[in-house]
Protein backbone atom coordinates (compact mmCIF):
# COMPACT_ATOMS: atom_id res chain seq x y z
CA UNK A 1 0.02 -0.02 -0.32
CA UNK A 2 1.42 3.57 -1.23
CA UNK A 3 0.94 6.31 1.28
CA UNK A 4 -0.12 9.83 -0.78
CA UNK A 5 1.77 12.53 0.13
CA UNK A 6 -0.03 15.10 2.36
CA UNK A 7 -1.08 18.48 1.30
CA UNK A 8 -0.59 19.35 4.86
CA UNK A 9 2.70 20.47 6.43
CA UNK A 10 3.54 19.55 9.96
CA UNK A 11 3.36 20.63 12.35
CA UNK A 12 0.87 22.93 11.68
CA UNK A 13 -2.51 25.18 12.89
CA UNK A 14 -5.26 23.32 11.72
CA UNK A 15 -9.37 24.69 11.99
CA UNK A 16 -11.73 21.86 12.54
CA UNK A 17 -15.40 22.97 12.86
CA UNK A 18 -17.40 20.96 14.63
CA UNK A 19 -21.49 20.92 14.78
CA UNK A 20 -23.72 19.85 17.60
CA UNK A 21 -27.27 20.69 18.69
CA UNK A 22 -27.06 23.63 21.55
CA UNK A 23 -26.03 21.97 25.00
CA UNK A 24 -24.66 23.11 28.30
CA UNK A 25 -22.07 20.50 27.82
CA UNK A 26 -21.33 20.89 23.90
CA UNK A 27 -18.25 23.14 24.30
CA UNK A 28 -16.64 21.30 27.38
CA UNK A 29 -17.22 18.15 25.45
CA UNK A 30 -15.16 19.01 22.42
CA UNK A 31 -12.54 20.69 24.81
CA UNK A 32 -12.03 17.54 26.66
CA UNK A 33 -11.87 15.38 23.21
CA UNK A 34 -9.46 17.88 21.38
CA UNK A 35 -7.15 18.25 24.81
CA UNK A 36 -6.55 14.51 24.58
CA UNK A 37 -5.08 14.67 21.87
CA UNK A 38 -3.16 18.09 21.67
CA UNK A 39 -2.29 19.06 24.96
CA UNK A 40 -1.65 22.63 24.30
CA UNK A 41 -5.30 23.42 23.20
CA UNK A 42 -6.08 26.71 23.94
CA UNK A 43 -10.11 27.04 24.25
CA UNK A 44 -9.97 30.63 24.60
CA UNK A 45 -9.53 30.58 20.86
CA UNK A 46 -12.40 28.88 19.99
CA UNK A 47 -14.86 30.43 17.85
CA UNK A 48 -18.70 29.89 18.08
CA UNK A 49 -21.76 30.37 15.77
CA UNK A 50 -25.28 29.31 16.89
CA UNK A 51 -27.70 29.06 13.93
CA UNK A 52 -30.29 31.28 13.19
CA UNK A 53 -32.89 29.21 15.55
CA UNK A 54 -30.20 28.50 18.06
CA UNK A 55 -30.87 25.00 17.84
CA UNK A 56 -27.43 24.31 16.81
CA UNK A 57 -24.12 25.42 17.53
CA UNK A 58 -21.04 25.81 15.06
CA UNK A 59 -17.19 25.41 17.26
CA UNK A 60 -14.10 26.52 15.31
CA UNK A 61 -11.37 24.82 17.21
CA UNK A 62 -7.50 25.55 16.17
CA UNK A 63 -5.21 22.49 17.23
CA UNK A 64 -1.65 21.81 16.50
CA UNK A 65 -1.35 19.30 14.18
CA UNK A 66 1.78 17.37 14.27
CA UNK A 67 0.43 14.38 12.07
CA UNK A 68 -2.16 12.78 9.96
CA UNK A 69 -2.66 10.28 12.25
CA UNK A 70 -3.40 12.87 15.52
CA UNK A 71 -5.69 14.56 13.32
CA UNK A 72 -7.80 11.33 12.10
CA UNK A 73 -7.89 10.28 15.55
CA UNK A 74 -9.23 14.20 16.48
CA UNK A 75 -11.96 13.63 13.76
CA UNK A 76 -12.65 9.77 14.99
CA UNK A 77 -13.35 10.68 18.53
CA UNK A 78 -15.64 14.02 17.85
CA UNK A 79 -17.55 11.88 15.65
CA UNK A 80 -18.21 9.10 17.77
CA UNK A 81 -19.25 11.26 20.72
CA UNK A 82 -22.92 11.56 20.94
CA UNK A 83 -23.10 15.12 21.27
CA UNK A 84 -21.62 15.89 17.68
CA UNK A 85 -23.33 15.96 14.82
CA UNK A 86 -20.37 16.76 12.42
CA UNK A 87 -16.68 17.77 12.27
CA UNK A 88 -15.13 19.00 9.13
């Protein structure tokens, strides 16, 4: 199996957008997941936006990506979390 070259140069700052229902625990759940993979993650840099109806929330979290495996693990853990609807 041949691995394709990455389009991302590591290490680099990489934005991840996370969507979910507006819930009081949503932001902390996302912070906890990302912090497991990026111990230097700064929650103060999270940008949040509510949907028009405020039923959903999106968070843009910038992580310090050091490898594709790290990013894959972050995305997997985020999408496995019950409060997360989607991660891009």
